[in-house]
């Protein structure tokens, strides 16, 4: 089968993978999407209010778990010697199999996010329980503001003045870039676990997670070594108290823009490598 694309063939691959997805991941999807129900039950039993920050944190955990679990649970047999032959013999091109593979793996975190948000909103609408504020936005600044209001550190009247405007200026620069990096990070994480699913034969998720932690640790150590050995870190220590909010905002903007570009390049490279790994998979 060559690497051409045919909608009819691709549709059949999607249907086959959809059946496998429902069979292998349907219950897990329901559990991940309903994790906030556990928090709500705790508030009902022990009679306390659960802040939106904690609920959003649990939703974030559910999304991350979806990223790392779905490749191995749904497509865990595609590189095995016996079971993988059925995947290799599917009447579809490598491109069609690859697109179906990434489609199900990338859409799962999005579905978990939306379903979790829906469950949380439904529980908040109930006249009982400890969910008293809606998660109205996924913007980082809105989540921080809502949390500050809920715990009593800030009121609506505090959201004025020069100091708060400086915070908003910084947040308007940091927030969007943070979210872009987070989205790219999710796409990269999914691709990494998809690659690990093809690379390892057993304990796919655990081995990939161990590699991810190891790589992150090495990168963190190299970054700290670079900052300490260069002139950047001493300069920041010397001028930290003299920096204005505009200086910090500009520094954050440049740093996060560079981070976005680097992450995009790494993610594209990862998915290109993933495609060729799937294409050249031996059984």
C-alpha atoms as a PDB file:
ATOM      1  CA  UNK A   1       0.000   0.000   0.000  1.00  0.00           C
ATOM      2  CA  UNK A   2       1.534   3.329  -1.045  1.00  0.00           C
ATOM      3  CA  UNK A   3       1.410   6.566   0.918  1.00  0.00           C
ATOM      4  CA  UNK A   4      -1.444   8.150  -0.986  1.00  0.00           C
ATOM      5  CA  UNK A   5      -4.562   9.401   0.778  1.00  0.00           C
ATOM      6  CA  UNK A   6      -8.039   8.123   0.011  1.00  0.00           C
ATOM      7  CA  UNK A   7     -11.054   9.405   1.972  1.00  0.00           C
ATOM      8  CA  UNK A   8     -12.945   6.126   1.667  1.00  0.00           C
ATOM      9  CA  UNK A   9     -10.027   4.080   2.978  1.00  0.00           C
ATOM     10  CA  UNK A  10      -9.307   6.637   5.697  1.00  0.00           C
ATOM     11  CA  UNK A  11     -12.931   6.516   6.824  1.00  0.00           C
ATOM     12  CA  UNK A  12     -12.745   2.746   7.224  1.00  0.00           C
ATOM     13  CA  UNK A  13      -9.558   3.067   9.302  1.00  0.00           C
ATOM     14  CA  UNK A  14     -11.283   5.649  11.509  1.00  0.00           C
ATOM     15  CA  UNK A  15     -14.267   3.357  12.049  1.00  0.00           C
ATOM     16  CA  UNK A  16     -12.007   0.418  12.932  1.00  0.00           C
ATOM     17  CA  UNK A  17      -9.956   2.541  15.345  1.00  0.00           C
ATOM     18  CA  UNK A  18     -13.126   4.025  16.826  1.00  0.00           C
ATOM     19  CA  UNK A  19     -14.375   0.538  17.743  1.00  0.00           C
ATOM     20  CA  UNK A  20     -11.014  -0.272  19.296  1.00  0.00           C
ATOM     21  CA  UNK A  21     -11.010   3.077  21.123  1.00  0.00           C
ATOM     22  CA  UNK A  22     -14.464   2.484  22.624  1.00  0.00           C
ATOM     23  CA  UNK A  23     -13.516  -1.054  23.664  1.00  0.00           C
ATOM     24  CA  UNK A  24     -10.135  -0.205  25.206  1.00  0.00           C
ATOM     25  CA  UNK A  25     -10.569   3.343  26.469  1.00  0.00           C
ATOM     26  CA  UNK A  26     -14.288   4.052  26.886  1.00  0.00           C
ATOM     27  CA  UNK A  27     -14.439   3.400  30.632  1.00  0.00           C
ATOM     28  CA  UNK A  28     -11.136   5.218  31.237  1.00  0.00           C
ATOM     29  CA  UNK A  29     -12.455   8.235  29.333  1.00  0.00           C
ATOM     30  CA  UNK A  30     -15.562   8.342  31.538  1.00  0.00           C
ATOM     31  CA  UNK A  31     -13.476   8.063  34.731  1.00  0.00           C
ATOM     32  CA  UNK A  32     -11.025  10.806  33.729  1.00  0.00           C
ATOM     33  CA  UNK A  33     -13.855  13.122  32.668  1.00  0.00           C
ATOM     34  CA  UNK A  34     -15.639  12.677  36.001  1.00  0.00           C
ATOM     35  CA  UNK A  35     -12.741  13.130  38.427  1.00  0.00           C
ATOM     36  CA  UNK A  36     -14.138  16.427  39.726  1.00  0.00           C
ATOM     37  CA  UNK A  37     -17.124  14.431  40.969  1.00  0.00           C
ATOM     38  CA  UNK A  38     -14.791  13.029  43.660  1.00  0.00           C
ATOM     39  CA  UNK A  39     -14.010  16.545  44.898  1.00  0.00           C
ATOM     40  CA  UNK A  40     -17.696  17.444  44.857  1.00  0.00           C
ATOM     41  CA  UNK A  41     -18.585  14.367  46.935  1.00  0.00           C
ATOM     42  CA  UNK A  42     -15.900  15.308  49.472  1.00  0.00           C
ATOM     43  CA  UNK A  43     -17.404  18.789  49.827  1.00  0.00           C
ATOM     44  CA  UNK A  44     -20.814  17.210  50.300  1.00  0.00           C
ATOM     45  CA  UNK A  45     -19.602  14.773  52.958  1.00  0.00           C
ATOM     46  CA  UNK A  46     -17.384  17.157  54.933  1.00  0.00           C
ATOM     47  CA  UNK A  47     -19.349  20.372  54.246  1.00  0.00           C
ATOM     48  CA  UNK A  48     -16.715  22.752  52.864  1.00  0.00           C
ATOM     49  CA  UNK A  49     -16.197  24.843  49.735  1.00  0.00           C
ATOM     50  CA  UNK A  50     -13.777  23.671  47.053  1.00  0.00           C
ATOM     51  CA  UNK A  51     -11.994  26.582  45.285  1.00  0.00           C
ATOM     52  CA  UNK A  52     -11.907  26.708  41.500  1.00  0.00           C
ATOM     53  CA  UNK A  53      -8.086  26.511  41.536  1.00  0.00           C
ATOM     54  CA  UNK A  54      -8.187  23.000  43.049  1.00  0.00           C
ATOM     55  CA  UNK A  55     -10.884  21.876  40.611  1.00  0.00           C
ATOM     56  CA  UNK A  56      -8.956  23.270  37.652  1.00  0.00           C
ATOM     57  CA  UNK A  57      -5.818  21.511  38.931  1.00  0.00           C
ATOM     58  CA  UNK A  58      -7.627  18.172  38.965  1.00  0.00           C
ATOM     59  CA  UNK A  59      -8.929  18.783  35.431  1.00  0.00           C
ATOM     60  CA  UNK A  60      -5.350  19.497  34.356  1.00  0.00           C
ATOM     61  CA  UNK A  61      -4.258  16.176  35.927  1.00  0.00           C
ATOM     62  CA  UNK A  62      -7.046  14.378  34.041  1.00  0.00           C
ATOM     63  CA  UNK A  63      -5.906  15.932  30.749  1.00  0.00           C
ATOM     64  CA  UNK A  64      -2.290  14.937  31.400  1.00  0.00           C
ATOM     65  CA  UNK A  65      -3.321  11.367  32.269  1.00  0.00           C
ATOM     66  CA  UNK A  66      -5.278  11.213  29.002  1.00  0.00           C
ATOM     67  CA  UNK A  67      -2.151  12.316  27.123  1.00  0.00           C
ATOM     68  CA  UNK A  68       0.039   9.590  28.555  1.00  0.00           C
ATOM     69  CA  UNK A  69      -2.476   6.732  28.707  1.00  0.00           C
ATOM     70  CA  UNK A  70      -4.348   6.738  25.409  1.00  0.00           C
ATOM     71  CA  UNK A  71      -1.526   5.617  23.034  1.00  0.00           C
ATOM     72  CA  UNK A  72      -0.718   2.429  24.970  1.00  0.00           C
ATOM     73  CA  UNK A  73      -4.309   1.582  25.969  1.00  0.00           C
ATOM     74  CA  UNK A  74      -5.791   1.974  22.480  1.00  0.00           C
ATOM     75  CA  UNK A  75      -2.856   1.262  20.162  1.00  0.00           C
ATOM     76  CA  UNK A  76      -0.625  -0.769  22.454  1.00  0.00           C
ATOM     77  CA  UNK A  77      -0.502  -3.775  20.123  1.00  0.00           C
ATOM     78  CA  UNK A  78       0.625  -2.083  16.900  1.00  0.00           C
ATOM     79  CA  UNK A  79       4.327  -2.871  17.423  1.00  0.00           C
ATOM     80  CA  UNK A  80       3.922  -6.364  18.875  1.00  0.00           C
ATOM     81  CA  UNK A  81       5.136  -9.283  16.794  1.00  0.00           C
ATOM     82  CA  UNK A  82       1.856 -11.185  16.593  1.00  0.00           C
ATOM     83  CA  UNK A  83      -0.883  -8.612  17.171  1.00  0.00           C
ATOM     84  CA  UNK A  84       0.842  -5.875  15.181  1.00  0.00           C
ATOM     85  CA  UNK A  85       0.566  -7.840  11.949  1.00  0.00           C
ATOM     86  CA  UNK A  86      -3.179  -7.051  11.845  1.00  0.00           C
ATOM     87  CA  UNK A  87      -2.375  -3.348  11.989  1.00  0.00           C
ATOM     88  CA  UNK A  88       0.267  -3.736   9.284  1.00  0.00           C
ATOM     89  CA  UNK A  89      -2.171  -5.619   7.032  1.00  0.00           C
ATOM     90  CA  UNK A  90      -4.952  -3.020   7.235  1.00  0.00           C
ATOM     91  CA  UNK A  91      -6.009  -2.021   3.697  1.00  0.00           C
ATOM     92  CA  UNK A  92      -4.796   1.546   4.137  1.00  0.00           C
ATOM     93  CA  UNK A  93      -1.668   3.561   3.485  1.00  0.00           C
ATOM     94  CA  UNK A  94       0.865   4.417   6.157  1.00  0.00           C
ATOM     95  CA  UNK A  95      -0.268   8.038   5.981  1.00  0.00           C
ATOM     96  CA  UNK A  96      -3.897   7.085   6.661  1.00  0.00           C
ATOM     97  CA  UNK A  97      -2.924   4.880   9.605  1.00  0.00           C
ATOM     98  CA  UNK A  98      -0.671   7.619  10.960  1.00  0.00           C
ATOM     99  CA  UNK A  99      -3.394  10.286  10.697  1.00  0.00           C
ATOM    100  CA  UNK A 100      -5.919   8.063  12.444  1.00  0.00           C
ATOM    101  CA  UNK A 101      -3.363   7.277  15.153  1.00  0.00           C
ATOM    102  CA  UNK A 102      -2.590  10.916  15.936  1.00  0.00           C
ATOM    103  CA  UNK A 103      -6.235  11.997  15.554  1.00  0.00           C
ATOM    104  CA  UNK A 104      -7.518   9.732  18.336  1.00  0.00           C
ATOM    105  CA  UNK A 105      -4.518  10.436  20.579  1.00  0.00           C
ATOM    106  CA  UNK A 106      -4.650  14.232  20.164  1.00  0.00           C
ATOM    107  CA  UNK A 107      -8.424  14.575  20.411  1.00  0.00           C
ATOM    108  CA  UNK A 108      -8.650  12.595  23.664  1.00  0.00           C
ATOM    109  CA  UNK A 109      -7.123  15.348  25.904  1.00  0.00           C
ATOM    110  CA  UNK A 110      -9.462  17.894  24.274  1.00  0.00           C
ATOM    111  CA  UNK A 111     -12.499  15.665  24.896  1.00  0.00           C
ATOM    112  CA  UNK A 112     -11.436  15.065  28.525  1.00  0.00           C
ATOM    113  CA  UNK A 113     -10.991  18.819  29.049  1.00  0.00           C
ATOM    114  CA  UNK A 114     -14.430  19.690  27.646  1.00  0.00           C
ATOM    115  CA  UNK A 115     -16.252  16.846  29.400  1.00  0.00           C
ATOM    116  CA  UNK A 116     -14.546  17.630  32.719  1.00  0.00           C
ATOM    117  CA  UNK A 117     -15.489  21.279  32.378  1.00  0.00           C
ATOM    118  CA  UNK A 118     -19.056  20.266  31.596  1.00  0.00           C
ATOM    119  CA  UNK A 119     -19.261  17.956  34.626  1.00  0.00           C
ATOM    120  CA  UNK A 120     -17.780  20.659  36.854  1.00  0.00           C
ATOM    121  CA  UNK A 121     -20.278  23.252  35.574  1.00  0.00           C
ATOM    122  CA  UNK A 122     -23.177  20.854  36.101  1.00  0.00           C
ATOM    123  CA  UNK A 123     -22.100  20.173  39.691  1.00  0.00           C
ATOM    124  CA  UNK A 124     -21.678  23.904  40.318  1.00  0.00           C
ATOM    125  CA  UNK A 125     -25.259  24.513  39.135  1.00  0.00           C
ATOM    126  CA  UNK A 126     -26.633  22.192  41.814  1.00  0.00           C
ATOM    127  CA  UNK A 127     -28.116  23.975  44.866  1.00  0.00           C
ATOM    128  CA  UNK A 128     -26.054  21.809  47.230  1.00  0.00           C
ATOM    129  CA  UNK A 129     -22.397  20.782  47.430  1.00  0.00           C
ATOM    130  CA  UNK A 130     -19.207  22.825  47.738  1.00  0.00           C
ATOM    131  CA  UNK A 131     -18.830  24.055  44.156  1.00  0.00           C
ATOM    132  CA  UNK A 132     -19.957  27.680  44.547  1.00  0.00           C
ATOM    133  CA  UNK A 133     -18.096  29.366  41.660  1.00  0.00           C
ATOM    134  CA  UNK A 134     -18.038  28.405  37.986  1.00  0.00           C
ATOM    135  CA  UNK A 135     -14.793  27.892  36.101  1.00  0.00           C
ATOM    136  CA  UNK A 136     -15.694  30.569  33.560  1.00  0.00           C
ATOM    137  CA  UNK A 137     -12.412  30.676  31.697  1.00  0.00           C
ATOM    138  CA  UNK A 138      -9.232  28.714  31.099  1.00  0.00           C
ATOM    139  CA  UNK A 139      -7.175  31.922  31.032  1.00  0.00           C
ATOM    140  CA  UNK A 140      -4.501  31.786  33.723  1.00  0.00           C
ATOM    141  CA  UNK A 141      -5.130  35.348  34.921  1.00  0.00           C
ATOM    142  CA  UNK A 142      -8.864  34.676  35.334  1.00  0.00           C
ATOM    143  CA  UNK A 143      -8.216  31.512  37.336  1.00  0.00           C
ATOM    144  CA  UNK A 144      -5.774  33.353  39.635  1.00  0.00           C
ATOM    145  CA  UNK A 145      -8.202  36.258  40.096  1.00  0.00           C
ATOM    146  CA  UNK A 146     -11.140  33.965  40.877  1.00  0.00           C
ATOM    147  CA  UNK A 147      -9.052  32.067  43.412  1.00  0.00           C
ATOM    148  CA  UNK A 148      -7.892  35.293  45.093  1.00  0.00           C
ATOM    149  CA  UNK A 149     -11.499  36.470  45.383  1.00  0.00           C
ATOM    150  CA  UNK A 150     -12.690  33.116  46.738  1.00  0.00           C
ATOM    151  CA  UNK A 151     -10.108  32.958  49.537  1.00  0.00           C
ATOM    152  CA  UNK A 152     -10.675  36.604  50.457  1.00  0.00           C
ATOM    153  CA  UNK A 153      -7.291  38.023  49.422  1.00  0.00           C
ATOM    154  CA  UNK A 154      -8.854  40.297  46.817  1.00  0.00           C
ATOM    155  CA  UNK A 155     -12.205  41.902  46.057  1.00  0.00           C
ATOM    156  CA  UNK A 156     -13.691  43.355  42.897  1.00  0.00           C
ATOM    157  CA  UNK A 157     -12.736  46.801  44.210  1.00  0.00           C
ATOM    158  CA  UNK A 158      -9.054  45.784  44.307  1.00  0.00           C
ATOM    159  CA  UNK A 159      -9.012  45.288  40.543  1.00  0.00           C
ATOM    160  CA  UNK A 160      -8.177  48.932  39.959  1.00  0.00           C
ATOM    161  CA  UNK A 161      -5.208  51.199  40.416  1.00  0.00           C
ATOM    162  CA  UNK A 162      -1.711  51.441  38.980  1.00  0.00           C
ATOM    163  CA  UNK A 163      -0.345  48.359  40.757  1.00  0.00           C
ATOM    164  CA  UNK A 164      -3.128  46.143  39.468  1.00  0.00           C
ATOM    165  CA  UNK A 165      -2.786  47.589  35.956  1.00  0.00           C
ATOM    166  CA  UNK A 166       0.908  46.606  36.030  1.00  0.00           C
ATOM    167  CA  UNK A 167      -0.119  43.088  36.965  1.00  0.00           C
ATOM    168  CA  UNK A 168      -2.637  43.002  34.113  1.00  0.00           C
ATOM    169  CA  UNK A 169       0.011  44.285  31.679  1.00  0.00           C
ATOM    170  CA  UNK A 170       2.345  41.488  32.721  1.00  0.00           C
ATOM    171  CA  UNK A 171      -0.482  38.936  32.645  1.00  0.00           C
ATOM    172  CA  UNK A 172      -1.543  40.014  29.151  1.00  0.00           C
ATOM    173  CA  UNK A 173       1.976  39.207  27.921  1.00  0.00           C
ATOM    174  CA  UNK A 174       2.640  36.109  30.013  1.00  0.00           C
ATOM    175  CA  UNK A 175      -0.832  34.517  29.833  1.00  0.00           C
ATOM    176  CA  UNK A 176      -1.258  34.023  26.061  1.00  0.00           C
ATOM    177  CA  UNK A 177       2.318  32.791  25.646  1.00  0.00           C
ATOM    178  CA  UNK A 178       1.869  30.449  28.598  1.00  0.00           C
ATOM    179  CA  UNK A 179      -1.254  28.965  27.032  1.00  0.00           C
ATOM    180  CA  UNK A 180       0.417  28.582  23.628  1.00  0.00           C
ATOM    181  CA  UNK A 181       3.323  26.806  25.291  1.00  0.00           C
ATOM    182  CA  UNK A 182       0.893  24.627  27.251  1.00  0.00           C
ATOM    183  CA  UNK A 183      -0.939  23.586  24.068  1.00  0.00           C
ATOM    184  CA  UNK A 184       2.329  22.840  22.283  1.00  0.00           C
ATOM    185  CA  UNK A 185       3.469  20.952  25.391  1.00  0.00           C
ATOM    186  CA  UNK A 186       0.350  18.766  25.305  1.00  0.00           C
ATOM    187  CA  UNK A 187       0.855  18.038  21.598  1.00  0.00           C
ATOM    188  CA  UNK A 188       4.517  17.222  22.258  1.00  0.00           C
ATOM    189  CA  UNK A 189       3.672  15.011  25.251  1.00  0.00           C
ATOM    190  CA  UNK A 190       1.102  13.054  23.256  1.00  0.00           C
ATOM    191  CA  UNK A 191       3.610  12.592  20.428  1.00  0.00           C
ATOM    192  CA  UNK A 192       6.281  11.459  22.873  1.00  0.00           C
ATOM    193  CA  UNK A 193       4.028   8.764  24.351  1.00  0.00           C
ATOM    194  CA  UNK A 194       2.906   7.749  20.859  1.00  0.00           C
ATOM    195  CA  UNK A 195       6.568   7.321  19.955  1.00  0.00           C
ATOM    196  CA  UNK A 196       7.222   5.363  23.158  1.00  0.00           C
ATOM    197  CA  UNK A 197       4.271   3.159  22.306  1.00  0.00           C
ATOM    198  CA  UNK A 198       6.056   2.183  19.077  1.00  0.00           C
ATOM    199  CA  UNK A 199       9.494   1.960  20.663  1.00  0.00           C
ATOM    200  CA  UNK A 200       8.826  -0.200  23.733  1.00  0.00           C
ATOM    201  CA  UNK A 201       7.221  -3.636  23.805  1.00  0.00           C
ATOM    202  CA  UNK A 202       6.144  -3.768  27.471  1.00  0.00           C
ATOM    203  CA  UNK A 203       5.353  -1.207  30.202  1.00  0.00           C
ATOM    204  CA  UNK A 204       5.125   1.404  27.449  1.00  0.00           C
ATOM    205  CA  UNK A 205       3.666   4.272  29.482  1.00  0.00           C
ATOM    206  CA  UNK A 206       5.933   3.779  32.513  1.00  0.00           C
ATOM    207  CA  UNK A 207       9.112   3.564  30.406  1.00  0.00           C
ATOM    208  CA  UNK A 208       8.183   6.605  28.325  1.00  0.00           C
ATOM    209  CA  UNK A 209       7.334   8.585  31.469  1.00  0.00           C
ATOM    210  CA  UNK A 210      10.696   7.642  32.986  1.00  0.00           C
ATOM    211  CA  UNK A 211      12.464   8.819  29.815  1.00  0.00           C
ATOM    212  CA  UNK A 212      10.439  12.052  29.861  1.00  0.00           C
ATOM    213  CA  UNK A 213      11.371  12.769  33.482  1.00  0.00           C
ATOM    214  CA  UNK A 214      15.023  11.971  32.781  1.00  0.00           C
ATOM    215  CA  UNK A 215      15.170  14.236  29.715  1.00  0.00           C
ATOM    216  CA  UNK A 216      13.412  17.059  31.606  1.00  0.00           C
ATOM    217  CA  UNK A 217      15.893  16.736  34.471  1.00  0.00           C
ATOM    218  CA  UNK A 218      18.910  16.894  32.133  1.00  0.00           C
ATOM    219  CA  UNK A 219      17.485  19.923  30.283  1.00  0.00           C
ATOM    220  CA  UNK A 220      16.741  21.663  33.603  1.00  0.00           C
ATOM    221  CA  UNK A 221      20.274  21.059  34.876  1.00  0.00           C
ATOM    222  CA  UNK A 222      21.833  22.282  31.602  1.00  0.00           C
ATOM    223  CA  UNK A 223      19.641  25.402  31.666  1.00  0.00           C
ATOM    224  CA  UNK A 224      20.621  26.221  35.250  1.00  0.00           C
ATOM    225  CA  UNK A 225      24.284  25.599  34.424  1.00  0.00           C
ATOM    226  CA  UNK A 226      24.025  27.960  31.457  1.00  0.00           C
ATOM    227  CA  UNK A 227      22.366  30.707  33.524  1.00  0.00           C
ATOM    228  CA  UNK A 228      24.900  30.434  36.352  1.00  0.00           C
ATOM    229  CA  UNK A 229      27.938  30.311  34.060  1.00  0.00           C
ATOM    230  CA  UNK A 230      26.740  33.129  31.796  1.00  0.00           C
ATOM    231  CA  UNK A 231      26.364  36.825  32.609  1.00  0.00           C
ATOM    232  CA  UNK A 232      22.566  36.648  32.673  1.00  0.00           C
ATOM    233  CA  UNK A 233      22.137  35.237  36.185  1.00  0.00           C
ATOM    234  CA  UNK A 234      24.643  37.607  37.922  1.00  0.00           C
ATOM    235  CA  UNK A 235      23.111  40.568  36.063  1.00  0.00           C
ATOM    236  CA  UNK A 236      19.603  39.622  37.202  1.00  0.00           C
ATOM    237  CA  UNK A 237      20.779  39.278  40.812  1.00  0.00           C
ATOM    238  CA  UNK A 238      22.481  42.665  40.683  1.00  0.00           C
ATOM    239  CA  UNK A 239      19.632  44.572  39.034  1.00  0.00           C
ATOM    240  CA  UNK A 240      16.599  42.675  40.371  1.00  0.00           C
ATOM    241  CA  UNK A 241      15.455  45.507  42.639  1.00  0.00           C
ATOM    242  CA  UNK A 242      15.918  48.135  39.926  1.00  0.00           C
ATOM    243  CA  UNK A 243      13.852  46.384  37.275  1.00  0.00           C
ATOM    244  CA  UNK A 244      10.554  47.996  36.326  1.00  0.00           C
ATOM    245  CA  UNK A 245       7.469  45.985  35.393  1.00  0.00           C
ATOM    246  CA  UNK A 246       8.050  46.945  31.745  1.00  0.00           C
ATOM    247  CA  UNK A 247      11.579  45.469  31.889  1.00  0.00           C
ATOM    248  CA  UNK A 248      10.286  42.221  33.398  1.00  0.00           C
ATOM    249  CA  UNK A 249       7.459  42.081  30.858  1.00  0.00           C
ATOM    250  CA  UNK A 250       9.886  42.546  27.972  1.00  0.00           C
ATOM    251  CA  UNK A 251      12.249  39.885  29.324  1.00  0.00           C
ATOM    252  CA  UNK A 252       9.398  37.410  29.817  1.00  0.00           C
ATOM    253  CA  UNK A 253       8.036  38.179  26.340  1.00  0.00           C
ATOM    254  CA  UNK A 254      11.390  37.495  24.647  1.00  0.00           C
ATOM    255  CA  UNK A 255      12.083  34.360  26.686  1.00  0.00           C
ATOM    256  CA  UNK A 256       8.664  32.805  26.125  1.00  0.00           C
ATOM    257  CA  UNK A 257       8.641  33.690  22.417  1.00  0.00           C
ATOM    258  CA  UNK A 258      11.964  31.876  22.035  1.00  0.00           C
ATOM    259  CA  UNK A 259      10.532  28.970  24.048  1.00  0.00           C
ATOM    260  CA  UNK A 260       7.497  28.753  21.749  1.00  0.00           C
ATOM    261  CA  UNK A 261       9.661  28.691  18.617  1.00  0.00           C
ATOM    262  CA  UNK A 262      11.943  26.018  20.100  1.00  0.00           C
ATOM    263  CA  UNK A 263       9.007  23.865  21.219  1.00  0.00           C
ATOM    264  CA  UNK A 264       7.339  24.113  17.800  1.00  0.00           C
ATOM    265  CA  UNK A 265      10.541  22.961  16.075  1.00  0.00           C
ATOM    266  CA  UNK A 266      10.976  20.065  18.536  1.00  0.00           C
ATOM    267  CA  UNK A 267       7.318  19.026  18.166  1.00  0.00           C
ATOM    268  CA  UNK A 268       7.442  19.043  14.361  1.00  0.00           C
ATOM    269  CA  UNK A 269      10.650  17.000  14.470  1.00  0.00           C
ATOM    270  CA  UNK A 270       9.070  14.521  16.895  1.00  0.00           C
ATOM    271  CA  UNK A 271       6.021  13.934  14.683  1.00  0.00           C
ATOM    272  CA  UNK A 272       8.174  13.528  11.574  1.00  0.00           C
ATOM    273  CA  UNK A 273      10.212  10.925  13.450  1.00  0.00           C
ATOM    274  CA  UNK A 274       6.990   9.295  14.649  1.00  0.00           C
ATOM    275  CA  UNK A 275       5.702   8.962  11.089  1.00  0.00           C
ATOM    276  CA  UNK A 276       8.897   7.324   9.836  1.00  0.00           C
ATOM    277  CA  UNK A 277       8.994   5.035  12.879  1.00  0.00           C
ATOM    278  CA  UNK A 278       5.451   3.875  12.095  1.00  0.00           C
ATOM    279  CA  UNK A 279       6.280   3.561   8.400  1.00  0.00           C
ATOM    280  CA  UNK A 280       9.383   1.409   8.988  1.00  0.00           C
ATOM    281  CA  UNK A 281       7.964  -0.672  11.854  1.00  0.00           C
ATOM    282  CA  UNK A 282       9.208  -4.277  11.647  1.00  0.00           C
ATOM    283  CA  UNK A 283       7.372  -7.337  12.995  1.00  0.00           C
END
